[in-house]
Amino acid sequence: MLKPSHVIYPFSLRQGKLFYFIWIIGFFSCLLCTHFGFAQPKVKFKRYSLEEGLSQSYVFCMLQDSRGLMWFGTEDGLNKFDGYRFTAYRNVPADTTSLSYNNIRAILEDRNKNLWAGSFYGVLHRFDRKTETFQRFQMPASNPNDLTNDNIWALAEDAQNGLWVGTFRGGLNHFDPQKRKFFRYQHVPENGNSLSDNGINALLPVGADALWVGTTNGLNLFNTKTKKFKRFFQVPGNPQSLSSNNINALYQDRSGNIWVGTSRGLDRYNPQNGSFDHVLPMIGELTSSSAEGYGIVAIREDSFGKLWLGTSNQCVLLLDAEQKQLRQFTYSPAEPTCLSSCSIYAIYADLEGGIWIGTRGGVNRYDPRLHQFRHYAEEQANPRGLPGKSIRNIAEDHQGVFWVTTSNGRRPLELNKGTLTKAEVDPTLWELLVEQNGGSFVVGQQGDLWIGSKEGLIVWNHNKGSIQRYRHNPADSLSIGNDEIQKIHLAKDGTVWLKLANGISVFYPKQKKFENYFLQPNQPKGLGANNVNHFLDDGKGKMWLGTRGGGLVHFDRKTKLFFTIKTNPTIRFL
């Protein structure tokens, strides 16, 4: 067995998934804290706990929001992680804009980008990012004598933007954000179309009107239109029924399969006849253990189509259902790159391909980008693949789409199970991409796509679905300097710096105006070269320019003067 090194690789959420496009791992592994039946390369986990700033080590739920930030629900508050530091939100006595209780078991970001957190005693919180405060919504008590019944265990959003709240023993609740009202669904013993049990562990919305509800006594398929529940139970002697009635986790993979984690294993739903295939403990190297060892509490698919499974007492399992291979990751106190605990609560896959594992000993992250390269080449026979060999520019938007400029044209691409293929984008935008040649892509903080071409600047607002074009107008001194955009740089102050075929333009989005600068050989504090290779914003009011033939230049935004440092006439990197 290989002895693992003690290198811990850092990562930054701000680096984006672009590294993932370049660094994709050869997946299976072999290390001290791994058990397997076949040799594999090394895998390491990065641990985050109290020492790194996490407010509490019990991590029950996780979420990456639309801004790329990670959120963690713990026993002592809600934590935000920006890739560098944690910010903890807790209850502040007498402050009704703080969390009502610190024990957070469920987090959700809805389609309107509202962040929701569910706490104990039936309080749903909506986070205001501008004020960093919470608005509280209290559910009516299902049992006034025992408020723990309404501890929020699960959150989900349906196709109609309604919020569903699963509770510890208080049943299923529907929350209408517009009316700010809750409606409760509970188990009614004499009604076979009611919820099978009031203890809700997991929720999974599927399609327009289906909601899967996992309870401590049976699985339910709820029709949100008819308001009826279809129940599924373990039937003794029937191998096509559930492996257990205690449902801990629900997940739908990219292929549409519904996976059910129970206290005795992993089941896959067969929609043709309503039966269940028992996937675990039926395959792999660990099937000699009792079924009780395969209590599945968390399920998440990675970018390679493999399933990461959190278990009740087998730590973490990695399942390749197609190859019927199973692998186990365990805890080792002597190895800092193993899991920090075998008590698993949650698993999450971020946009960068990383796998987060919430445990009783903090949160762990596995980064698959840190191991080996995968090569993607031009496929002339594939109109949906990479369009050329010479890659000139790559950018990634907030939807995980890569915008690639090659010598043969441009194309939006996405990774699906390790395969690079054309992404479906706005048809009008696609027509513009086909028409325009050259240039570059840059993605703004709000998700806007800035596109440089030989026929001006194009800005696509993803949220509004709008496209704005800017062209050179000889009669307008506030228009762009010329139409050939070779490079785009988004500065920290909101301005947009453009390398043109001749000179540079600075765009002010609020004023919709351009300032143009060209070579001024007779002015010592003017631009000393038309060919600007690089931009660097130092955050202190100066923009540094690396030029070809004009040396290193910095631009003072206040005086709007250029200052040249001619240590080397050609600056290649900044």
Protein backbone atom coordinates (compact mmCIF):
# COMPACT_ATOMS: atom_id res chain seq x y z
CA MET A 1 0.00 0.00 0.00
CA LEU A 2 1.29 3.45 -0.87
CA LYS A 3 2.29 5.72 1.97
CA PRO A 4 0.42 9.00 1.52
CA SER A 5 2.32 12.26 1.46
CA HIS A 6 1.32 15.02 3.85
CA VAL A 7 0.72 17.74 1.27
CA ILE A 8 -2.62 19.49 1.67
CA TYR A 9 -3.64 21.23 -1.52
CA PRO A 10 -5.34 24.61 -1.08
CA PHE A 11 -8.24 25.66 -3.25
CA SER A 12 -10.18 28.82 -3.92
CA LEU A 13 -13.83 29.04 -4.85
CA ARG A 14 -12.92 32.30 -6.60
CA GLN A 15 -10.72 30.45 -9.06
CA GLY A 16 -13.88 29.07 -10.65
CA LYS A 17 -14.41 25.79 -12.42
CA LEU A 18 -12.00 26.78 -15.16
CA PHE A 19 -9.32 24.69 -13.40
CA TYR A 20 -11.79 21.83 -13.58
CA PHE A 21 -11.83 22.23 -17.36
CA ILE A 22 -8.05 21.79 -17.40
CA TRP A 23 -7.30 19.53 -14.44
CA ILE A 24 -9.67 16.56 -14.50
CA ILE A 25 -8.67 13.59 -12.44
CA GLY A 26 -8.22 9.92 -13.24
CA PHE A 27 -10.90 9.08 -10.77
CA PHE A 28 -10.35 6.00 -8.58
CA SER A 29 -7.83 6.04 -5.79
CA CYS A 30 -5.66 4.18 -3.28
CA LEU A 31 -4.59 5.53 0.08
CA LEU A 32 -4.22 4.79 3.74
CA CYS A 33 -7.80 5.75 4.59
CA THR A 34 -9.30 3.86 1.61
CA HIS A 35 -10.42 0.24 1.36
CA PHE A 36 -10.81 -1.37 -2.05
CA GLY A 37 -10.16 -4.51 -4.03
CA PHE A 38 -8.14 -2.95 -6.86
CA ALA A 39 -5.12 -0.62 -7.06
CA GLN A 40 -5.92 3.06 -7.57
CA PRO A 41 -4.11 6.43 -7.29
CA LYS A 42 -4.19 8.59 -4.19
CA VAL A 43 -7.11 10.71 -2.95
CA LYS A 44 -6.87 13.39 -0.27
CA PHE A 45 -9.45 15.33 1.71
CA LYS A 46 -9.02 18.87 2.97
CA ARG A 47 -10.52 19.32 6.45
CA TYR A 48 -12.30 22.42 7.73
CA SER A 49 -13.31 22.64 11.37
CA LEU A 50 -13.12 24.97 14.37
CA GLU A 51 -9.46 25.76 13.73
CA GLU A 52 -10.30 27.08 10.24
CA GLY A 53 -13.17 29.23 11.56
CA LEU A 54 -16.20 26.92 11.31
CA SER A 55 -18.57 27.85 14.15
CA GLN A 56 -19.24 24.23 15.15
CA SER A 57 -18.03 20.82 13.97
CA TYR A 58 -21.43 19.14 13.41
CA VAL A 59 -22.17 19.97 9.75
CA PHE A 60 -25.71 18.87 8.86
CA CYS A 61 -26.34 20.49 5.48
CA MET A 62 -24.47 22.30 2.71
CA LEU A 63 -25.18 24.51 -0.29
CA GLN A 64 -23.26 26.47 -2.92
CA ASP A 65 -25.27 29.54 -3.85
CA SER A 66 -25.56 31.34 -7.20
CA ARG A 67 -22.60 33.55 -6.26
CA GLY A 68 -20.31 30.60 -5.66
CA LEU A 69 -20.30 30.92 -1.87
CA MET A 70 -20.58 27.81 0.29
CA TRP A 71 -23.09 27.67 3.18
CA PHE A 72 -23.04 25.18 6.05
CA GLY A 73 -25.75 24.47 8.60
CA THR A 74 -24.34 23.43 11.98
CA GLU A 75 -25.51 22.88 15.54
CA ASP A 76 -24.25 26.37 16.37
CA GLY A 77 -25.25 28.64 13.53
CA LEU A 78 -25.20 29.11 9.77
CA ASN A 79 -21.76 29.51 8.20
CA LYS A 80 -20.74 31.25 4.95
CA PHE A 81 -17.42 30.34 3.31
CA ASP A 82 -15.89 32.40 0.49
CA GLY A 83 -12.93 30.11 -0.14
CA TYR A 84 -10.75 31.97 2.35
CA ARG A 85 -12.69 32.54 5.56
CA PHE A 86 -15.87 31.56 7.40
CA THR A 87 -18.56 34.00 8.54
CA ALA A 88 -20.92 32.67 11.21
CA TYR A 89 -24.53 33.79 11.70
CA ARG A 90 -26.09 33.00 15.06
CA ASN A 91 -28.99 33.95 17.27
CA VAL A 92 -28.57 37.30 18.97
CA PRO A 93 -30.93 37.65 21.94
CA ALA A 94 -33.56 40.40 21.46
CA ASP A 95 -32.55 40.80 17.79
CA THR A 96 -35.43 39.57 15.66
CA THR A 97 -33.34 39.96 12.49
CA SER A 98 -30.91 37.26 13.62
CA LEU A 99 -31.46 33.51 13.51
CA SER A 100 -34.17 32.43 15.91
CA TYR A 101 -32.24 29.25 16.82
CA ASN A 102 -28.71 28.16 15.99
CA ASN A 103 -29.39 24.54 15.04
CA ILE A 104 -29.68 24.61 11.22
CA ARG A 105 -30.59 21.32 9.51
CA ALA A 106 -31.71 22.50 6.04
CA ILE A 107 -30.62 25.19 3.53
CA LEU A 108 -32.12 26.12 0.15
CA GLU A 109 -31.59 28.79 -2.50
CA ASP A 110 -34.74 29.28 -4.56
CA ARG A 111 -35.01 30.27 -8.23
CA ASN A 112 -35.22 33.92 -7.23
CA LYS A 113 -31.86 33.51 -5.47
CA ASN A 114 -33.37 33.87 -2.00
CA LEU A 115 -31.46 31.91 0.63
CA TRP A 116 -33.59 29.97 3.12
CA ALA A 117 -32.54 28.21 6.32
CA GLY A 118 -34.67 25.95 8.51
CA SER A 119 -34.05 25.75 12.24
CA PHE A 120 -35.44 23.95 15.23
CA TYR A 121 -38.96 24.68 16.48
CA GLY A 122 -40.45 25.35 13.06
CA VAL A 123 -38.84 28.65 12.08
CA LEU A 124 -38.04 29.27 8.43
CA HIS A 125 -35.54 32.09 7.77
CA ARG A 126 -35.00 34.14 4.62
CA PHE A 127 -31.57 35.80 4.42
CA ASP A 128 -31.21 39.35 3.12
CA ARG A 129 -27.76 39.56 1.52
CA LYS A 130 -27.72 43.36 1.45
CA THR A 131 -28.36 43.86 5.16
CA GLU A 132 -27.05 40.44 6.27
CA THR A 133 -30.18 39.94 8.34
CA PHE A 134 -32.89 37.29 8.51
CA GLN A 135 -36.65 37.47 8.15
CA ARG A 136 -38.44 34.85 10.26
CA PHE A 137 -41.49 32.80 9.31
CA GLN A 138 -42.96 30.73 12.14
CA MET A 139 -44.93 27.59 11.33
CA PRO A 140 -48.08 26.95 13.38
CA ALA A 141 -47.25 24.34 16.01
CA SER A 142 -48.36 20.81 15.13
CA ASN A 143 -48.23 19.93 18.83
CA PRO A 144 -48.11 22.85 21.30
CA ASN A 145 -46.91 20.45 23.99
CA ASP A 146 -43.82 19.37 22.03
CA LEU A 147 -42.31 22.04 19.75
CA THR A 148 -39.49 19.70 18.70
CA ASN A 149 -42.05 18.02 16.42
CA ASP A 150 -41.64 20.98 14.07
CA ASN A 151 -37.84 20.97 13.91
CA ILE A 152 -37.12 21.57 10.22
CA TRP A 153 -35.30 18.61 8.67
CA ALA A 154 -35.63 19.22 4.89
CA LEU A 155 -36.40 22.00 2.37
CA ALA A 156 -37.32 21.83 -1.33
CA GLU A 157 -38.74 24.11 -4.03
CA ASP A 158 -41.28 22.88 -6.56
CA ALA A 159 -41.81 23.93 -10.19
CA GLN A 160 -44.35 26.56 -9.09
CA ASN A 161 -41.77 28.20 -6.76
CA GLY A 162 -43.53 26.91 -3.68
CA LEU A 163 -41.42 25.89 -0.70
CA TRP A 164 -41.85 22.51 0.97
CA VAL A 165 -40.75 21.99 4.54
CA GLY A 166 -40.17 18.57 6.07
CA THR A 167 -40.24 18.37 9.86
CA PHE A 168 -38.99 15.99 12.54
CA ARG A 169 -42.44 14.69 13.57
CA GLY A 170 -44.85 17.42 12.46
CA GLY A 171 -45.45 16.28 8.88
CA LEU A 172 -45.02 18.07 5.55
CA ASN A 173 -45.64 21.80 5.20
CA HIS A 174 -46.16 23.93 2.10
CA PHE A 175 -45.11 27.57 2.42
CA ASP A 176 -46.43 30.23 0.05
CA PRO A 177 -43.83 33.07 0.08
CA GLN A 178 -46.31 35.54 -1.45
CA LYS A 179 -49.08 34.93 1.09
CA ARG A 180 -46.61 34.03 3.85
CA LYS A 181 -48.78 31.12 4.92
CA PHE A 182 -48.12 27.48 5.75
CA PHE A 183 -50.35 24.54 4.89
CA ARG A 184 -49.69 21.24 6.63
CA TYR A 185 -50.05 17.66 5.35
CA GLN A 186 -50.01 14.92 7.96
CA HIS A 187 -50.52 11.21 8.34
CA VAL A 188 -54.20 10.29 8.71
CA PRO A 189 -54.51 6.62 9.75
CA GLU A 190 -57.88 6.07 8.06
CA ASN A 191 -56.84 7.80 4.80
CA GLY A 192 -54.66 5.69 2.46
CA ASN A 193 -53.95 8.76 0.28
CA SER A 194 -52.40 10.70 3.14
CA LEU A 195 -48.76 10.93 4.18
CA SER A 196 -47.42 7.58 5.42
CA ASP A 197 -45.71 9.11 8.47
CA ASN A 198 -45.15 12.55 10.04
CA GLY A 199 -41.39 12.15 10.42
CA ILE A 200 -39.83 13.67 7.27
CA ASN A 201 -36.17 12.97 6.50
CA ALA A 202 -35.86 13.90 2.81
CA LEU A 203 -37.66 15.79 0.00
CA LEU A 204 -37.11 15.55 -3.76
CA PRO A 205 -39.19 17.55 -6.28
CA VAL A 206 -39.33 15.95 -9.74
CA GLY A 207 -41.00 17.41 -12.83
CA ALA A 208 -43.97 19.74 -12.77
CA ASP A 209 -46.13 18.22 -10.05
CA ALA A 210 -44.30 15.40 -8.26
CA LEU A 211 -42.66 15.53 -4.84
CA TRP A 212 -40.94 12.51 -3.33
CA VAL A 213 -41.16 12.47 0.46
CA GLY A 214 -38.94 10.17 2.50
CA THR A 215 -40.25 9.44 6.01
CA THR A 216 -39.33 7.27 8.97
CA ASN A 217 -42.07 4.88 7.86
CA GLY A 218 -42.30 4.63 4.11
CA LEU A 219 -41.65 6.51 0.88
CA ASN A 220 -44.32 8.79 -0.60
CA LEU A 221 -44.89 10.21 -4.08
CA PHE A 222 -47.01 13.33 -3.63
CA ASN A 223 -48.97 14.84 -6.51
CA THR A 224 -48.97 18.59 -5.87
CA LYS A 225 -52.05 19.03 -8.10
CA THR A 226 -54.33 16.30 -6.76
CA LYS A 227 -52.88 16.59 -3.21
CA LYS A 228 -52.70 12.81 -2.92
CA PHE A 229 -49.87 10.62 -1.67
CA LYS A 230 -48.87 7.30 -3.19
CA ARG A 231 -47.13 5.15 -0.62
CA PHE A 232 -44.29 2.66 -0.97
CA PHE A 233 -43.29 0.24 1.79
CA GLN A 234 -40.99 -2.66 2.40
CA VAL A 235 -42.97 -5.83 1.84
CA PRO A 236 -41.52 -8.94 3.52
CA GLY A 237 -40.75 -11.60 0.93
CA ASN A 238 -40.94 -9.13 -1.99
CA PRO A 239 -37.39 -8.39 -3.29
CA GLN A 240 -38.73 -5.60 -5.53
CA SER A 241 -40.06 -3.56 -2.63
CA LEU A 242 -38.05 -1.09 -0.56
CA SER A 243 -35.09 -2.43 1.42
CA SER A 244 -36.41 -0.57 4.49
CA ASN A 245 -39.26 1.73 5.46
CA ASN A 246 -36.87 4.22 7.09
CA ILE A 247 -35.98 6.61 4.25
CA ASN A 248 -32.96 8.82 4.94
CA ALA A 249 -32.01 10.31 1.56
CA LEU A 250 -33.44 10.96 -1.92
CA TYR A 251 -31.56 11.98 -5.06
CA GLN A 252 -32.15 12.24 -8.82
CA ASP A 253 -29.08 11.83 -11.01
CA ARG A 254 -28.41 13.38 -14.42
CA SER A 255 -29.89 10.36 -16.17
CA GLY A 256 -33.18 10.78 -14.28
CA ASN A 257 -32.73 7.82 -11.95
CA ILE A 258 -34.36 8.19 -8.53
CA TRP A 259 -32.09 6.89 -5.76
CA VAL A 260 -33.43 6.06 -2.32
CA GLY A 261 -31.17 5.81 0.71
CA THR A 262 -32.68 3.67 3.44
CA SER A 263 -31.50 2.41 6.83
CA ARG A 264 -30.57 -0.89 5.14
CA GLY A 265 -29.11 0.14 1.79
CA LEU A 266 -29.43 1.95 -1.53
CA ASP A 267 -32.43 1.39 -3.81
CA ARG A 268 -33.10 2.58 -7.36
CA TYR A 269 -36.70 3.26 -8.37
CA ASN A 270 -38.04 1.56 -11.50
CA PRO A 271 -40.77 3.87 -12.89
CA GLN A 272 -42.04 1.28 -15.38
CA ASN A 273 -43.57 -0.94 -12.71
CA GLY A 274 -43.07 0.98 -9.48
CA SER A 275 -40.52 -1.50 -8.16
CA PHE A 276 -37.09 -0.97 -6.58
CA ASP A 277 -33.71 -2.45 -7.47
CA HIS A 278 -31.50 -3.11 -4.44
CA VAL A 279 -28.14 -1.73 -5.56
CA LEU A 280 -26.49 -1.91 -2.14
CA PRO A 281 -25.62 -4.16 -0.43
CA MET A 282 -25.78 -6.28 -3.58
CA ILE A 283 -22.53 -5.42 -5.38
CA GLY A 284 -18.87 -4.69 -4.70
CA GLU A 285 -16.22 -5.81 -2.28
CA LEU A 286 -18.14 -5.10 0.92
CA THR A 287 -21.22 -7.26 0.43
CA SER A 288 -20.17 -9.71 3.14
CA SER A 289 -21.17 -7.16 5.76
CA SER A 290 -24.67 -7.19 7.13
CA ALA A 291 -27.31 -5.03 5.46
CA GLU A 292 -27.40 -2.89 8.57
CA GLY A 293 -23.95 -1.59 7.64
CA TYR A 294 -25.32 0.12 4.56
CA GLY A 295 -27.62 2.69 6.08
CA ILE A 296 -27.44 5.46 3.43
CA VAL A 297 -27.89 8.97 4.86
CA ALA A 298 -26.63 11.12 1.94
CA ILE A 299 -26.37 10.72 -1.85
CA ARG A 300 -24.66 12.95 -4.43
CA GLU A 301 -23.49 12.41 -8.01
CA ASP A 302 -20.10 13.73 -9.09
CA SER A 303 -19.06 15.06 -12.49
CA PHE A 304 -18.06 11.56 -13.61
CA GLY A 305 -21.46 10.02 -12.92
CA LYS A 306 -20.27 8.21 -9.78
CA LEU A 307 -22.36 8.29 -6.60
CA TRP A 308 -20.88 9.44 -3.30
CA LEU A 309 -22.78 7.84 -0.45
CA GLY A 310 -22.74 8.84 3.20
CA THR A 311 -23.53 5.89 5.43
CA SER A 312 -24.49 5.30 9.04
CA ASN A 313 -21.44 3.17 9.90
CA GLN A 314 -19.42 2.55 6.71
CA CYS A 315 -18.14 6.15 6.46
CA VAL A 316 -18.28 7.20 2.78
CA LEU A 317 -18.74 4.90 -0.20
CA LEU A 318 -18.04 5.68 -3.85
CA LEU A 319 -20.24 3.73 -6.23
CA ASP A 320 -19.77 3.17 -9.95
CA ALA A 321 -23.12 1.57 -10.69
CA GLU A 322 -22.31 0.88 -14.35
CA GLN A 323 -19.03 -0.90 -13.62
CA LYS A 324 -20.40 -2.38 -10.39
CA GLN A 325 -17.43 -1.16 -8.43
CA LEU A 326 -17.54 0.07 -4.86
CA ARG A 327 -14.96 1.90 -2.82
CA GLN A 328 -14.84 3.03 0.80
CA PHE A 329 -13.27 6.09 2.45
CA THR A 330 -12.71 5.89 6.20
CA TYR A 331 -11.49 7.96 9.12
CA SER A 332 -7.94 7.69 10.41
CA PRO A 333 -6.89 9.93 13.33
CA ALA A 334 -3.23 9.55 12.32
CA GLU A 335 -3.78 10.73 8.74
CA PRO A 336 -4.76 14.41 8.30
CA THR A 337 -5.82 13.92 4.67
CA CYS A 338 -8.42 11.27 5.52
CA LEU A 339 -11.99 12.04 6.53
CA SER A 340 -12.25 13.90 9.84
CA SER A 341 -15.06 11.63 11.08
CA CYS A 342 -17.10 8.59 10.06
CA SER A 343 -20.34 10.14 11.35
CA ILE A 344 -21.68 11.44 8.04
CA TYR A 345 -24.56 13.92 7.77
CA ALA A 346 -24.46 15.39 4.25
CA ILE A 347 -22.64 15.26 0.89
CA TYR A 348 -22.57 18.05 -1.70
CA ALA A 349 -20.96 18.51 -5.15
CA ASP A 350 -19.92 22.08 -5.99
CA LEU A 351 -19.64 23.71 -9.43
CA GLU A 352 -15.89 23.13 -9.50
CA GLY A 353 -16.34 19.36 -9.25
CA GLY A 354 -15.35 19.26 -5.59
CA ILE A 355 -17.07 16.90 -3.16
CA TRP A 356 -17.96 18.28 0.29
CA ILE A 357 -18.70 15.85 3.13
CA GLY A 358 -20.39 17.12 6.28
CA THR A 359 -19.52 15.13 9.38
CA ARG A 360 -19.54 15.25 13.17
CA GLY A 361 -15.91 16.37 12.94
CA GLY A 362 -16.33 19.31 10.57
CA VAL A 363 -16.54 19.45 6.78
CA ASN A 364 -14.18 17.73 4.31
CA ARG A 365 -13.54 18.58 0.67
CA TYR A 366 -12.12 16.38 -2.05
CA ASP A 367 -10.83 18.27 -5.11
CA PRO A 368 -10.54 16.05 -8.20
CA ARG A 369 -8.72 18.76 -10.20
CA LEU A 370 -5.44 18.30 -8.38
CA HIS A 371 -4.30 15.05 -9.93
CA GLN A 372 -3.90 14.66 -13.67
CA PHE A 373 -4.70 16.19 -17.05
CA ARG A 374 -7.29 15.11 -19.52
CA HIS A 375 -6.75 16.16 -23.12
CA TYR A 376 -9.61 17.46 -25.27
CA ALA A 377 -8.84 17.68 -28.98
CA GLU A 378 -10.62 19.05 -32.02
CA GLU A 379 -13.13 16.64 -33.51
CA GLN A 380 -13.81 17.68 -37.10
CA ALA A 381 -16.56 15.08 -37.47
CA ASN A 382 -18.30 16.31 -34.31
CA PRO A 383 -20.17 19.62 -34.81
CA ARG A 384 -20.83 19.79 -31.07
CA GLY A 385 -17.24 19.33 -29.90
CA LEU A 386 -14.19 21.58 -29.68
CA PRO A 387 -14.09 23.64 -32.91
CA GLY A 388 -10.29 24.05 -33.24
CA LYS A 389 -6.83 23.11 -31.97
CA SER A 390 -5.53 26.58 -31.12
CA ILE A 391 -7.28 27.74 -27.92
CA ARG A 392 -7.15 31.52 -27.63
CA ASN A 393 -9.57 32.27 -24.82
CA ILE A 394 -11.66 30.42 -22.21
CA ALA A 395 -14.24 31.79 -19.78
CA GLU A 396 -16.79 30.07 -17.54
CA ASP A 397 -20.20 31.57 -16.77
CA HIS A 398 -22.34 31.10 -13.66
CA GLN A 399 -24.22 28.24 -15.30
CA GLY A 400 -21.04 26.19 -15.67
CA VAL A 401 -20.79 26.79 -19.44
CA PHE A 402 -17.30 27.26 -20.93
CA TRP A 403 -17.02 29.91 -23.65
CA VAL A 404 -14.11 28.96 -25.88
CA THR A 405 -12.45 30.90 -28.70
CA THR A 406 -10.30 28.86 -31.10
CA SER A 407 -8.59 29.48 -34.39
CA ASN A 408 -11.67 28.06 -36.13
CA GLY A 409 -14.39 29.91 -34.28
CA ARG A 410 -16.20 30.09 -30.95
CA ARG A 411 -18.45 27.72 -29.10
CA PRO A 412 -20.16 27.40 -25.70
CA LEU A 413 -19.23 24.02 -24.23
CA GLU A 414 -20.12 22.04 -21.13
CA LEU A 415 -18.72 18.99 -19.39
CA ASN A 416 -21.03 16.04 -18.96
CA LYS A 417 -19.50 12.98 -17.31
CA GLY A 418 -16.08 14.05 -18.57
CA THR A 419 -17.24 14.62 -22.16
CA LEU A 420 -17.00 18.06 -23.74
CA THR A 421 -20.03 19.00 -25.82
CA LYS A 422 -21.80 22.11 -27.14
CA ALA A 423 -24.01 23.81 -24.57
CA GLU A 424 -27.49 25.02 -25.46
CA VAL A 425 -27.62 28.82 -25.20
CA ASP A 426 -29.88 31.67 -26.26
CA PRO A 427 -30.48 31.28 -30.07
CA THR A 428 -29.98 35.00 -30.74
CA LEU A 429 -26.68 34.95 -28.89
CA TRP A 430 -25.61 31.83 -30.79
CA GLU A 431 -26.29 33.56 -34.10
CA LEU A 432 -24.06 36.44 -33.04
CA LEU A 433 -21.29 34.04 -32.03
CA VAL A 434 -21.44 32.32 -35.40
CA GLU A 435 -21.33 35.68 -37.21
CA GLN A 436 -18.46 37.19 -35.21
CA ASN A 437 -14.85 36.04 -35.30
CA GLY A 438 -11.86 36.40 -32.97
CA GLY A 439 -12.02 38.29 -29.70
CA SER A 440 -12.50 37.01 -26.19
CA PHE A 441 -15.04 36.19 -23.48
CA VAL A 442 -15.21 37.49 -19.90
CA VAL A 443 -17.91 36.73 -17.30
CA GLY A 444 -18.94 39.48 -14.87
CA GLN A 445 -19.89 39.09 -11.21
CA GLN A 446 -23.59 39.30 -12.03
CA GLY A 447 -23.30 36.62 -14.70
CA ASP A 448 -23.18 39.01 -17.68
CA LEU A 449 -21.14 37.67 -20.59
CA TRP A 450 -18.82 40.24 -22.23
CA ILE A 451 -17.85 39.26 -25.76
CA GLY A 452 -15.12 40.92 -27.80
CA SER A 453 -15.27 40.59 -31.58
CA LYS A 454 -13.98 42.20 -34.75
CA GLU A 455 -17.29 44.01 -34.98
CA GLY A 456 -17.51 45.64 -31.57
CA LEU A 457 -18.41 44.75 -28.01
CA ILE A 458 -21.36 42.46 -27.16
CA VAL A 459 -22.86 42.20 -23.66
CA TRP A 460 -25.31 39.40 -22.88
CA ASN A 461 -27.36 39.80 -19.69
CA HIS A 462 -28.19 36.23 -18.73
CA ASN A 463 -30.83 37.16 -16.12
CA LYS A 464 -32.77 39.44 -18.50
CA GLY A 465 -31.98 37.49 -21.66
CA SER A 466 -30.98 40.76 -23.34
CA ILE A 467 -28.13 41.55 -25.71
CA GLN A 468 -26.44 44.95 -26.03
CA ARG A 469 -23.99 45.83 -28.81
CA TYR A 470 -21.46 48.67 -28.88
CA ARG A 471 -19.85 49.77 -32.17
CA HIS A 472 -17.42 52.51 -33.16
CA ASN A 473 -19.14 55.67 -34.37
CA PRO A 474 -16.75 58.19 -35.99
CA ALA A 475 -19.19 61.01 -35.21
CA ASP A 476 -19.37 60.13 -31.49
CA SER A 477 -16.23 60.67 -29.36
CA LEU A 478 -17.82 58.71 -26.50
CA SER A 479 -18.21 55.53 -28.59
CA ILE A 480 -15.69 52.72 -28.59
CA GLY A 481 -12.28 53.57 -30.14
CA ASN A 482 -12.52 50.91 -32.87
CA ASP A 483 -14.47 47.74 -33.45
CA GLU A 484 -11.77 45.09 -33.10
CA ILE A 485 -11.82 43.91 -29.45
CA GLN A 486 -8.87 41.63 -28.68
CA LYS A 487 -9.02 41.43 -24.89
CA ILE A 488 -11.44 42.35 -22.09
CA HIS A 489 -10.64 43.10 -18.45
CA LEU A 490 -13.28 43.79 -15.78
CA ALA A 491 -11.81 46.16 -13.22
CA LYS A 492 -12.67 46.22 -9.51
CA ASP A 493 -14.31 49.63 -9.79
CA GLY A 494 -16.82 48.36 -12.36
CA THR A 495 -15.12 49.79 -15.43
CA VAL A 496 -14.35 47.56 -18.41
CA TRP A 497 -10.93 47.80 -20.07
CA LEU A 498 -10.66 46.78 -23.69
CA LYS A 499 -7.56 46.04 -25.72
CA LEU A 500 -8.30 47.20 -29.25
CA ALA A 501 -6.46 46.49 -32.47
CA ASN A 502 -5.02 49.95 -31.93
CA GLY A 503 -5.00 51.38 -28.40
CA ILE A 504 -7.38 50.80 -25.49
CA SER A 505 -10.92 51.81 -24.50
CA VAL A 506 -12.31 52.15 -20.98
CA PHE A 507 -16.06 51.59 -20.75
CA TYR A 508 -18.21 53.06 -17.96
CA PRO A 509 -21.35 50.84 -17.84
CA LYS A 510 -23.49 53.24 -15.78
CA GLN A 511 -22.85 56.20 -18.09
CA LYS A 512 -22.73 53.99 -21.22
CA LYS A 513 -19.67 55.86 -22.44
CA PHE A 514 -16.14 55.03 -23.56
CA GLU A 515 -12.84 56.80 -22.97
CA ASN A 516 -10.26 56.01 -25.66
CA TYR A 517 -6.48 56.13 -25.37
CA PHE A 518 -3.96 55.75 -28.17
CA LEU A 519 -0.20 56.10 -28.58
CA GLN A 520 0.91 59.64 -27.76
CA PRO A 521 4.63 59.72 -28.54
CA ASN A 522 5.06 63.42 -27.75
CA GLN A 523 3.32 63.27 -24.38
CA PRO A 524 5.46 61.77 -21.55
CA LYS A 525 2.33 60.98 -19.51
CA GLY A 526 0.31 59.54 -22.36
CA LEU A 527 -0.07 55.93 -23.49
CA GLY A 528 3.38 54.83 -24.66
CA ALA A 529 2.29 51.94 -26.91
CA ASN A 530 -0.82 50.89 -28.80
CA ASN A 531 -0.27 47.19 -28.19
CA VAL A 532 -1.36 46.45 -24.60
CA ASN A 533 -0.89 42.79 -23.67
CA HIS A 534 -2.10 42.71 -20.06
CA PHE A 535 -4.16 44.57 -17.45
CA LEU A 536 -3.73 44.37 -13.67
CA ASP A 537 -5.90 46.26 -11.16
CA ASP A 538 -4.02 46.84 -7.89
CA GLY A 539 -7.18 47.87 -6.01
CA LYS A 540 -5.58 51.18 -4.97
CA GLY A 541 -6.75 53.34 -7.84
CA LYS A 542 -4.11 52.29 -10.37
CA MET A 543 -4.46 50.09 -13.41
CA TRP A 544 -1.19 48.53 -14.55
CA LEU A 545 -0.68 47.84 -18.25
CA GLY A 546 1.84 45.49 -19.79
CA THR A 547 2.66 46.68 -23.28
CA ARG A 548 4.64 45.55 -26.27
CA GLY A 549 7.30 48.11 -26.94
CA GLY A 550 6.18 50.62 -24.32
CA GLY A 551 7.25 48.86 -21.11
CA LEU A 552 5.25 48.71 -17.88
CA VAL A 553 2.66 51.48 -17.51
CA HIS A 554 0.33 52.43 -14.74
CA PHE A 555 -2.77 54.57 -15.18
CA ASP A 556 -3.86 56.92 -12.41
CA ARG A 557 -7.66 57.01 -12.40
CA LYS A 558 -7.83 60.37 -10.60
CA THR A 559 -5.52 62.31 -12.92
CA LYS A 560 -6.12 60.03 -15.94
CA LEU A 561 -2.41 60.12 -16.70
CA PHE A 562 -0.09 57.29 -17.72
CA PHE A 563 3.28 56.71 -16.02
CA THR A 564 5.76 54.51 -17.87
CA ILE A 565 8.45 52.29 -16.33
CA LYS A 566 10.75 51.16 -19.14
CA THR A 567 12.62 48.34 -17.44
CA ASN A 568 11.73 46.10 -20.35
CA PRO A 569 10.03 47.40 -23.48
CA THR A 570 7.89 44.27 -23.79
CA ILE A 571 5.92 43.05 -20.75
CA ARG A 572 4.65 39.49 -21.20
CA PHE A 573 3.02 38.77 -17.84
CA LEU A 574 1.25 40.71 -15.09
